[in-house]
Amino acid sequence: MKALELRELSDEELKKRLIDEEENLAHMRFQHATAQLESFAKLRTGRRDIARMKTVLHERELKGKTEVEKPSGETQREESKTQSKR
């Protein structure tokens, strides 16, 4: 799944898909251990999809924190301009 597609999902839907994908990965690891997995590439794809999902969730978490910490109405560029004038 592409990162753009993941960014369109809500937090709840993304977390649900993450849990499902982690369960699927565990199942594929078991299949690999018992030599029943058809393609090792599926493991790689599953790990990368999980990493993408976690990245999008982390980005949202950081974005939420930075919006709370910024003063209302000021951007970072405006803040640096006012500090350099002082």
PDB file of N, CA and C in Angstrom:
ATOM      1  N   MET A   1       0.844  -1.174   0.000  1.00  0.00           N
ATOM      2  CA  MET A   1       0.000   0.000   0.000  1.00  0.00           C
ATOM      3  C   MET A   1       0.893   1.243   0.000  1.00  0.00           C
ATOM      4  N   LYS A   2       0.529   2.215  -0.771  1.00  0.00           N
ATOM      5  CA  LYS A   2       1.310   3.441  -0.901  1.00  0.00           C
ATOM      6  C   LYS A   2       1.071   4.363   0.288  1.00  0.00           C
ATOM      7  N   ALA A   3       2.072   5.191   0.589  1.00  0.00           N
ATOM      8  CA  ALA A   3       1.973   6.111   1.718  1.00  0.00           C
ATOM      9  C   ALA A   3       0.852   7.126   1.498  1.00  0.00           C
ATOM     10  N   LEU A   4       0.647   7.550   0.267  1.00  0.00           N
ATOM     11  CA  LEU A   4      -0.430   8.503  -0.025  1.00  0.00           C
ATOM     12  C   LEU A   4      -1.792   7.900   0.315  1.00  0.00           C
ATOM     13  N   GLU A   5      -1.974   6.633   0.013  1.00  0.00           N
ATOM     14  CA  GLU A   5      -3.217   5.950   0.350  1.00  0.00           C
ATOM     15  C   GLU A   5      -3.398   5.859   1.860  1.00  0.00           C
ATOM     16  N   LEU A   6      -2.312   5.619   2.564  1.00  0.00           N
ATOM     17  CA  LEU A   6      -2.373   5.504   4.024  1.00  0.00           C
ATOM     18  C   LEU A   6      -2.711   6.843   4.667  1.00  0.00           C
ATOM     19  N   ARG A   7      -2.195   7.932   4.102  1.00  0.00           N
ATOM     20  CA  ARG A   7      -2.451   9.257   4.669  1.00  0.00           C
ATOM     21  C   ARG A   7      -3.911   9.674   4.539  1.00  0.00           C
ATOM     22  N   GLU A   8      -4.636   9.057   3.610  1.00  0.00           N
ATOM     23  CA  GLU A   8      -6.047   9.368   3.424  1.00  0.00           C
ATOM     24  C   GLU A   8      -6.936   8.683   4.461  1.00  0.00           C
ATOM     25  N   LEU A   9      -6.416   7.682   5.138  1.00  0.00           N
ATOM     26  CA  LEU A   9      -7.193   6.930   6.125  1.00  0.00           C
ATOM     27  C   LEU A   9      -7.252   7.677   7.455  1.00  0.00           C
ATOM     28  N   SER A  10      -8.291   7.398   8.219  1.00  0.00           N
ATOM     29  CA  SER A  10      -8.386   7.969   9.562  1.00  0.00           C
ATOM     30  C   SER A  10      -7.418   7.235  10.489  1.00  0.00           C
ATOM     31  N   ASP A  11      -7.167   7.815  11.655  1.00  0.00           N
ATOM     32  CA  ASP A  11      -6.259   7.180  12.618  1.00  0.00           C
ATOM     33  C   ASP A  11      -6.762   5.803  13.035  1.00  0.00           C
ATOM     34  N   GLU A  12      -8.076   5.700  13.285  1.00  0.00           N
ATOM     35  CA  GLU A  12      -8.637   4.430  13.735  1.00  0.00           C
ATOM     36  C   GLU A  12      -8.494   3.356  12.659  1.00  0.00           C
ATOM     37  N   GLU A  13      -8.797   3.724  11.403  1.00  0.00           N
ATOM     38  CA  GLU A  13      -8.680   2.767  10.306  1.00  0.00           C
ATOM     39  C   GLU A  13      -7.227   2.350  10.097  1.00  0.00           C
ATOM     40  N   LEU A  14      -6.324   3.308  10.215  1.00  0.00           N
ATOM     41  CA  LEU A  14      -4.905   3.008  10.037  1.00  0.00           C
ATOM     42  C   LEU A  14      -4.406   2.075  11.139  1.00  0.00           C
ATOM     43  N   LYS A  15      -4.814   2.310  12.372  1.00  0.00           N
ATOM     44  CA  LYS A  15      -4.413   1.435  13.480  1.00  0.00           C
ATOM     45  C   LYS A  15      -4.978   0.029  13.310  1.00  0.00           C
ATOM     46  N   LYS A  16      -6.221  -0.049  12.818  1.00  0.00           N
ATOM     47  CA  LYS A  16      -6.837  -1.352  12.585  1.00  0.00           C
ATOM     48  C   LYS A  16      -6.069  -2.116  11.509  1.00  0.00           C
ATOM     49  N   ARG A  17      -5.727  -1.436  10.425  1.00  0.00           N
ATOM     50  CA  ARG A  17      -4.961  -2.093   9.356  1.00  0.00           C
ATOM     51  C   ARG A  17      -3.576  -2.494   9.831  1.00  0.00           C
ATOM     52  N   LEU A  18      -2.976  -1.689  10.693  1.00  0.00           N
ATOM     53  CA  LEU A  18      -1.662  -2.021  11.237  1.00  0.00           C
ATOM     54  C   LEU A  18      -1.727  -3.314  12.038  1.00  0.00           C
ATOM     55  N   ILE A  19      -2.727  -3.450  12.870  1.00  0.00           N
ATOM     56  CA  ILE A  19      -2.891  -4.674  13.667  1.00  0.00           C
ATOM     57  C   ILE A  19      -3.107  -5.877  12.757  1.00  0.00           C
ATOM     58  N   ASP A  20      -3.953  -5.705  11.743  1.00  0.00           N
ATOM     59  CA  ASP A  20      -4.202  -6.795  10.799  1.00  0.00           C
ATOM     60  C   ASP A  20      -2.926  -7.195  10.060  1.00  0.00           C
ATOM     61  N   GLU A  21      -2.161  -6.213   9.653  1.00  0.00           N
ATOM     62  CA  GLU A  21      -0.928  -6.496   8.904  1.00  0.00           C
ATOM     63  C   GLU A  21       0.111  -7.180   9.797  1.00  0.00           C
ATOM     64  N   GLU A  22       0.178  -6.778  11.072  1.00  0.00           N
ATOM     65  CA  GLU A  22       1.115  -7.430  11.996  1.00  0.00           C
ATOM     66  C   GLU A  22       0.728  -8.887  12.223  1.00  0.00           C
ATOM     67  N   GLU A  23      -0.580  -9.157  12.318  1.00  0.00           N
ATOM     68  CA  GLU A  23      -1.037 -10.544  12.463  1.00  0.00           C
ATOM     69  C   GLU A  23      -0.715 -11.348  11.216  1.00  0.00           C
ATOM     70  N   ASN A  24      -0.913 -10.737  10.057  1.00  0.00           N
ATOM     71  CA  ASN A  24      -0.606 -11.396   8.795  1.00  0.00           C
ATOM     72  C   ASN A  24       0.888 -11.700   8.697  1.00  0.00           C
ATOM     73  N   LEU A  25       1.724 -10.762   9.140  1.00  0.00           N
ATOM     74  CA  LEU A  25       3.170 -10.970   9.119  1.00  0.00           C
ATOM     75  C   LEU A  25       3.563 -12.133  10.032  1.00  0.00           C
ATOM     76  N   ALA A  26       2.953 -12.222  11.198  1.00  0.00           N
ATOM     77  CA  ALA A  26       3.246 -13.330  12.107  1.00  0.00           C
ATOM     78  C   ALA A  26       2.877 -14.666  11.462  1.00  0.00           C
ATOM     79  N   HIS A  27       1.755 -14.672  10.764  1.00  0.00           N
ATOM     80  CA  HIS A  27       1.326 -15.886  10.073  1.00  0.00           C
ATOM     81  C   HIS A  27       2.323 -16.255   8.962  1.00  0.00           C
ATOM     82  N   MET A  28       2.772 -15.245   8.222  1.00  0.00           N
ATOM     83  CA  MET A  28       3.747 -15.512   7.153  1.00  0.00           C
ATOM     84  C   MET A  28       5.084 -15.986   7.717  1.00  0.00           C
ATOM     85  N   ARG A  29       5.482 -15.460   8.871  1.00  0.00           N
ATOM     86  CA  ARG A  29       6.735 -15.920   9.494  1.00  0.00           C
ATOM     87  C   ARG A  29       6.625 -17.396   9.890  1.00  0.00           C
ATOM     88  N   PHE A  30       5.457 -17.760  10.390  1.00  0.00           N
ATOM     89  CA  PHE A  30       5.236 -19.164  10.739  1.00  0.00           C
ATOM     90  C   PHE A  30       5.307 -20.050   9.494  1.00  0.00           C
ATOM     91  N   GLN A  31       4.685 -19.584   8.413  1.00  0.00           N
ATOM     92  CA  GLN A  31       4.737 -20.331   7.160  1.00  0.00           C
ATOM     93  C   GLN A  31       6.173 -20.451   6.655  1.00  0.00           C
ATOM     94  N   HIS A  32       6.933 -19.402   6.799  1.00  0.00           N
ATOM     95  CA  HIS A  32       8.329 -19.428   6.360  1.00  0.00           C
ATOM     96  C   HIS A  32       9.132 -20.434   7.187  1.00  0.00           C
ATOM     97  N   ALA A  33       8.867 -20.463   8.485  1.00  0.00           N
ATOM     98  CA  ALA A  33       9.603 -21.377   9.364  1.00  0.00           C
ATOM     99  C   ALA A  33       9.271 -22.828   9.055  1.00  0.00           C
ATOM    100  N   THR A  34       8.055 -23.081   8.599  1.00  0.00           N
ATOM    101  CA  THR A  34       7.667 -24.460   8.288  1.00  0.00           C
ATOM    102  C   THR A  34       7.804 -24.770   6.796  1.00  0.00           C
ATOM    103  N   ALA A  35       8.474 -23.895   6.066  1.00  0.00           N
ATOM    104  CA  ALA A  35       8.748 -24.051   4.631  1.00  0.00           C
ATOM    105  C   ALA A  35       7.477 -24.118   3.795  1.00  0.00           C
ATOM    106  N   GLN A  36       6.433 -23.418   4.202  1.00  0.00           N
ATOM    107  CA  GLN A  36       5.185 -23.395   3.452  1.00  0.00           C
ATOM    108  C   GLN A  36       4.966 -22.062   2.733  1.00  0.00           C
ATOM    109  N   LEU A  37       5.815 -21.087   2.994  1.00  0.00           N
ATOM    110  CA  LEU A  37       5.659 -19.774   2.370  1.00  0.00           C
ATOM    111  C   LEU A  37       6.102 -19.850   0.918  1.00  0.00           C
ATOM    112  N   GLU A  38       5.245 -19.369   0.021  1.00  0.00           N
ATOM    113  CA  GLU A  38       5.541 -19.449  -1.408  1.00  0.00           C
ATOM    114  C   GLU A  38       6.643 -18.477  -1.822  1.00  0.00           C
ATOM    115  N   SER A  39       6.622 -17.281  -1.253  1.00  0.00           N
ATOM    116  CA  SER A  39       7.567 -16.265  -1.690  1.00  0.00           C
ATOM    117  C   SER A  39       8.069 -15.459  -0.489  1.00  0.00           C
ATOM    118  N   PHE A  40       9.376 -15.382  -0.381  1.00  0.00           N
ATOM    119  CA  PHE A  40       9.971 -14.596   0.705  1.00  0.00           C
ATOM    120  C   PHE A  40       9.687 -13.108   0.508  1.00  0.00           C
ATOM    121  N   ALA A  41       9.435 -12.694  -0.719  1.00  0.00           N
ATOM    122  CA  ALA A  41       9.151 -11.286  -1.013  1.00  0.00           C
ATOM    123  C   ALA A  41       7.903 -10.810  -0.280  1.00  0.00           C
ATOM    124  N   LYS A  42       6.981 -11.716   0.016  1.00  0.00           N
ATOM    125  CA  LYS A  42       5.774 -11.335   0.759  1.00  0.00           C
ATOM    126  C   LYS A  42       6.133 -10.859   2.168  1.00  0.00           C
ATOM    127  N   LEU A  43       7.131 -11.489   2.780  1.00  0.00           N
ATOM    128  CA  LEU A  43       7.582 -11.051   4.103  1.00  0.00           C
ATOM    129  C   LEU A  43       8.133  -9.631   4.039  1.00  0.00           C
ATOM    130  N   ARG A  44       8.953  -9.377   3.039  1.00  0.00           N
ATOM    131  CA  ARG A  44       9.545  -8.053   2.869  1.00  0.00           C
ATOM    132  C   ARG A  44       8.458  -6.997   2.662  1.00  0.00           C
ATOM    133  N   THR A  45       7.501  -7.310   1.808  1.00  0.00           N
ATOM    134  CA  THR A  45       6.408  -6.379   1.534  1.00  0.00           C
ATOM    135  C   THR A  45       5.605  -6.112   2.797  1.00  0.00           C
ATOM    136  N   GLY A  46       5.334  -7.153   3.557  1.00  0.00           N
ATOM    137  CA  GLY A  46       4.582  -6.991   4.804  1.00  0.00           C
ATOM    138  C   GLY A  46       5.320  -6.109   5.802  1.00  0.00           C
ATOM    139  N   ARG A  47       6.617  -6.325   5.957  1.00  0.00           N
ATOM    140  CA  ARG A  47       7.411  -5.502   6.880  1.00  0.00           C
ATOM    141  C   ARG A  47       7.425  -4.045   6.436  1.00  0.00           C
ATOM    142  N   ARG A  48       7.556  -3.824   5.157  1.00  0.00           N
ATOM    143  CA  ARG A  48       7.606  -2.452   4.646  1.00  0.00           C
ATOM    144  C   ARG A  48       6.260  -1.751   4.780  1.00  0.00           C
ATOM    145  N   ASP A  49       5.172  -2.491   4.570  1.00  0.00           N
ATOM    146  CA  ASP A  49       3.843  -1.897   4.753  1.00  0.00           C
ATOM    147  C   ASP A  49       3.638  -1.483   6.211  1.00  0.00           C
ATOM    148  N   ILE A  50       4.077  -2.332   7.133  1.00  0.00           N
ATOM    149  CA  ILE A  50       3.965  -2.009   8.560  1.00  0.00           C
ATOM    150  C   ILE A  50       4.787  -0.767   8.879  1.00  0.00           C
ATOM    151  N   ALA A  51       5.979  -0.691   8.332  1.00  0.00           N
ATOM    152  CA  ALA A  51       6.835   0.479   8.568  1.00  0.00           C
ATOM    153  C   ALA A  51       6.184   1.747   8.024  1.00  0.00           C
ATOM    154  N   ARG A  52       5.554   1.663   6.851  1.00  0.00           N
ATOM    155  CA  ARG A  52       4.871   2.833   6.289  1.00  0.00           C
ATOM    156  C   ARG A  52       3.734   3.287   7.195  1.00  0.00           C
ATOM    157  N   MET A  53       2.957   2.329   7.683  1.00  0.00           N
ATOM    158  CA  MET A  53       1.832   2.660   8.554  1.00  0.00           C
ATOM    159  C   MET A  53       2.314   3.331   9.838  1.00  0.00           C
ATOM    160  N   LYS A  54       3.362   2.778  10.435  1.00  0.00           N
ATOM    161  CA  LYS A  54       3.903   3.359  11.655  1.00  0.00           C
ATOM    162  C   LYS A  54       4.475   4.752  11.404  1.00  0.00           C
ATOM    163  N   THR A  55       5.075   4.949  10.241  1.00  0.00           N
ATOM    164  CA  THR A  55       5.634   6.252   9.889  1.00  0.00           C
ATOM    165  C   THR A  55       4.531   7.291   9.777  1.00  0.00           C
ATOM    166  N   VAL A  56       3.446   6.951   9.101  1.00  0.00           N
ATOM    167  CA  VAL A  56       2.331   7.890   8.940  1.00  0.00           C
ATOM    168  C   VAL A  56       1.724   8.227  10.303  1.00  0.00           C
ATOM    169  N   LEU A  57       1.552   7.228  11.150  1.00  0.00           N
ATOM    170  CA  LEU A  57       1.014   7.485  12.493  1.00  0.00           C
ATOM    171  C   LEU A  57       1.948   8.387  13.299  1.00  0.00           C
ATOM    172  N   HIS A  58       3.253   8.154  13.183  1.00  0.00           N
ATOM    173  CA  HIS A  58       4.229   8.962  13.909  1.00  0.00           C
ATOM    174  C   HIS A  58       4.236  10.400  13.381  1.00  0.00           C
ATOM    175  N   GLU A  59       4.129  10.569  12.081  1.00  0.00           N
ATOM    176  CA  GLU A  59       4.066  11.911  11.502  1.00  0.00           C
ATOM    177  C   GLU A  59       2.866  12.672  12.033  1.00  0.00           C
ATOM    178  N   ARG A  60       1.730  11.996  12.103  1.00  0.00           N
ATOM    179  CA  ARG A  60       0.512  12.633  12.628  1.00  0.00           C
ATOM    180  C   ARG A  60       0.684  13.014  14.090  1.00  0.00           C
ATOM    181  N   GLU A  61       1.317  12.141  14.842  1.00  0.00           N
ATOM    182  CA  GLU A  61       1.562  12.406  16.260  1.00  0.00           C
ATOM    183  C   GLU A  61       2.450  13.641  16.425  1.00  0.00           C
ATOM    184  N   LEU A  62       3.512  13.720  15.650  1.00  0.00           N
ATOM    185  CA  LEU A  62       4.422  14.862  15.732  1.00  0.00           C
ATOM    186  C   LEU A  62       3.749  16.140  15.254  1.00  0.00           C
ATOM    187  N   LYS A  63       2.952  16.042  14.218  1.00  0.00           N
ATOM    188  CA  LYS A  63       2.249  17.209  13.702  1.00  0.00           C
ATOM    189  C   LYS A  63       1.290  17.763  14.754  1.00  0.00           C
ATOM    190  N   GLY A  64       0.622  16.883  15.461  1.00  0.00           N
ATOM    191  CA  GLY A  64      -0.288  17.305  16.520  1.00  0.00           C
ATOM    192  C   GLY A  64       0.439  17.999  17.656  1.00  0.00           C
ATOM    193  N   LYS A  65       1.624  17.531  18.003  1.00  0.00           N
ATOM    194  CA  LYS A  65       2.401  18.134  19.084  1.00  0.00           C
ATOM    195  C   LYS A  65       2.933  19.506  18.688  1.00  0.00           C
ATOM    196  N   THR A  66       3.398  19.663  17.461  1.00  0.00           N
ATOM    197  CA  THR A  66       3.973  20.941  17.040  1.00  0.00           C
ATOM    198  C   THR A  66       2.894  22.004  16.900  1.00  0.00           C
ATOM    199  N   GLU A  67       1.685  21.613  16.495  1.00  0.00           N
ATOM    200  CA  GLU A  67       0.603  22.586  16.384  1.00  0.00           C
ATOM    201  C   GLU A  67       0.196  23.101  17.751  1.00  0.00           C
ATOM    202  N   VAL A  68       0.261  22.275  18.760  1.00  0.00           N
ATOM    203  CA  VAL A  68      -0.100  22.681  20.113  1.00  0.00           C
ATOM    204  C   VAL A  68       0.957  23.610  20.698  1.00  0.00           C
ATOM    205  N   GLU A  69       2.225  23.351  20.400  1.00  0.00           N
ATOM    206  CA  GLU A  69       3.317  24.117  20.986  1.00  0.00           C
ATOM    207  C   GLU A  69       3.497  25.496  20.358  1.00  0.00           C
ATOM    208  N   LYS A  70       3.098  25.689  19.097  1.00  0.00           N
ATOM    209  CA  LYS A  70       3.293  26.971  18.426  1.00  0.00           C
ATOM    210  C   LYS A  70       2.339  28.018  18.981  1.00  0.00           C
ATOM    211  N   PRO A  71       2.800  29.262  19.092  1.00  0.00           N
ATOM    212  CA  PRO A  71       1.898  30.339  19.490  1.00  0.00           C
ATOM    213  C   PRO A  71       0.845  30.547  18.408  1.00  0.00           C
ATOM    214  N   SER A  72      -0.331  31.004  18.790  1.00  0.00           N
ATOM    215  CA  SER A  72      -1.406  31.142  17.818  1.00  0.00           C
ATOM    216  C   SER A  72      -1.101  32.243  16.811  1.00  0.00           C
ATOM    217  N   GLY A  73      -1.301  31.911  15.540  1.00  0.00           N
ATOM    218  CA  GLY A  73      -1.151  32.888  14.478  1.00  0.00           C
ATOM    219  C   GLY A  73       0.260  33.121  13.978  1.00  0.00           C
ATOM    220  N   GLU A  74       1.279  32.674  14.659  1.00  0.00           N
ATOM    221  CA  GLU A  74       2.655  32.911  14.229  1.00  0.00           C
ATOM    222  C   GLU A  74       3.227  31.658  13.591  1.00  0.00           C
ATOM    223  N   THR A  75       3.951  31.880  12.513  1.00  0.00           N
ATOM    224  CA  THR A  75       4.654  30.760  11.897  1.00  0.00           C
ATOM    225  C   THR A  75       6.100  30.786  12.345  1.00  0.00           C
ATOM    226  N   GLN A  76       6.820  29.767  12.028  1.00  0.00           N
ATOM    227  CA  GLN A  76       8.215  29.678  12.439  1.00  0.00           C
ATOM    228  C   GLN A  76       9.034  30.793  11.778  1.00  0.00           C
ATOM    229  N   ARG A  77       8.713  31.112  10.548  1.00  0.00           N
ATOM    230  CA  ARG A  77       9.431  32.144   9.830  1.00  0.00           C
ATOM    231  C   ARG A  77       9.218  33.515  10.493  1.00  0.00           C
ATOM    232  N   GLU A  78       7.974  33.786  10.905  1.00  0.00           N
ATOM    233  CA  GLU A  78       7.681  35.058  11.576  1.00  0.00           C
ATOM    234  C   GLU A  78       8.416  35.152  12.905  1.00  0.00           C
ATOM    235  N   GLU A  79       8.508  34.039  13.601  1.00  0.00           N
ATOM    236  CA  GLU A  79       9.209  34.018  14.884  1.00  0.00           C
ATOM    237  C   GLU A  79      10.692  34.348  14.695  1.00  0.00           C
ATOM    238  N   SER A  80      11.303  33.782  13.662  1.00  0.00           N
ATOM    239  CA  SER A  80      12.728  34.041  13.436  1.00  0.00           C
ATOM    240  C   SER A  80      12.959  35.480  13.011  1.00  0.00           C
ATOM    241  N   LYS A  81      12.035  36.083  12.282  1.00  0.00           N
ATOM    242  CA  LYS A  81      12.160  37.479  11.868  1.00  0.00           C
ATOM    243  C   LYS A  81      12.114  38.410  13.091  1.00  0.00           C
ATOM    244  N   THR A  82      11.185  38.123  13.999  1.00  0.00           N
ATOM    245  CA  THR A  82      11.074  38.985  15.176  1.00  0.00           C
ATOM    246  C   THR A  82      12.284  38.833  16.084  1.00  0.00           C
ATOM    247  N   GLN A  83      12.851  37.636  16.141  1.00  0.00           N
ATOM    248  CA  GLN A  83      14.036  37.427  16.981  1.00  0.00           C
ATOM    249  C   GLN A  83      15.267  38.091  16.366  1.00  0.00           C
ATOM    250  N   SER A  84      15.369  38.101  15.034  1.00  0.00           N
ATOM    251  CA  SER A  84      16.534  38.699  14.407  1.00  0.00           C
ATOM    252  C   SER A  84      16.495  40.230  14.472  1.00  0.00           C
ATOM    253  N   LYS A  85      15.311  40.833  14.589  1.00  0.00           N
ATOM    254  CA  LYS A  85      15.174  42.288  14.684  1.00  0.00           C
ATOM    255  C   LYS A  85      15.569  42.788  16.070  1.00  0.00           C
ATOM    256  N   ARG A  86      15.496  41.932  17.031  1.00  0.00           N
ATOM    257  CA  ARG A  86      15.776  42.339  18.423  1.00  0.00           C
ATOM    258  C   ARG A  86      17.209  42.559  18.648  1.00  0.00           C
TER     259      ARG A  86
END
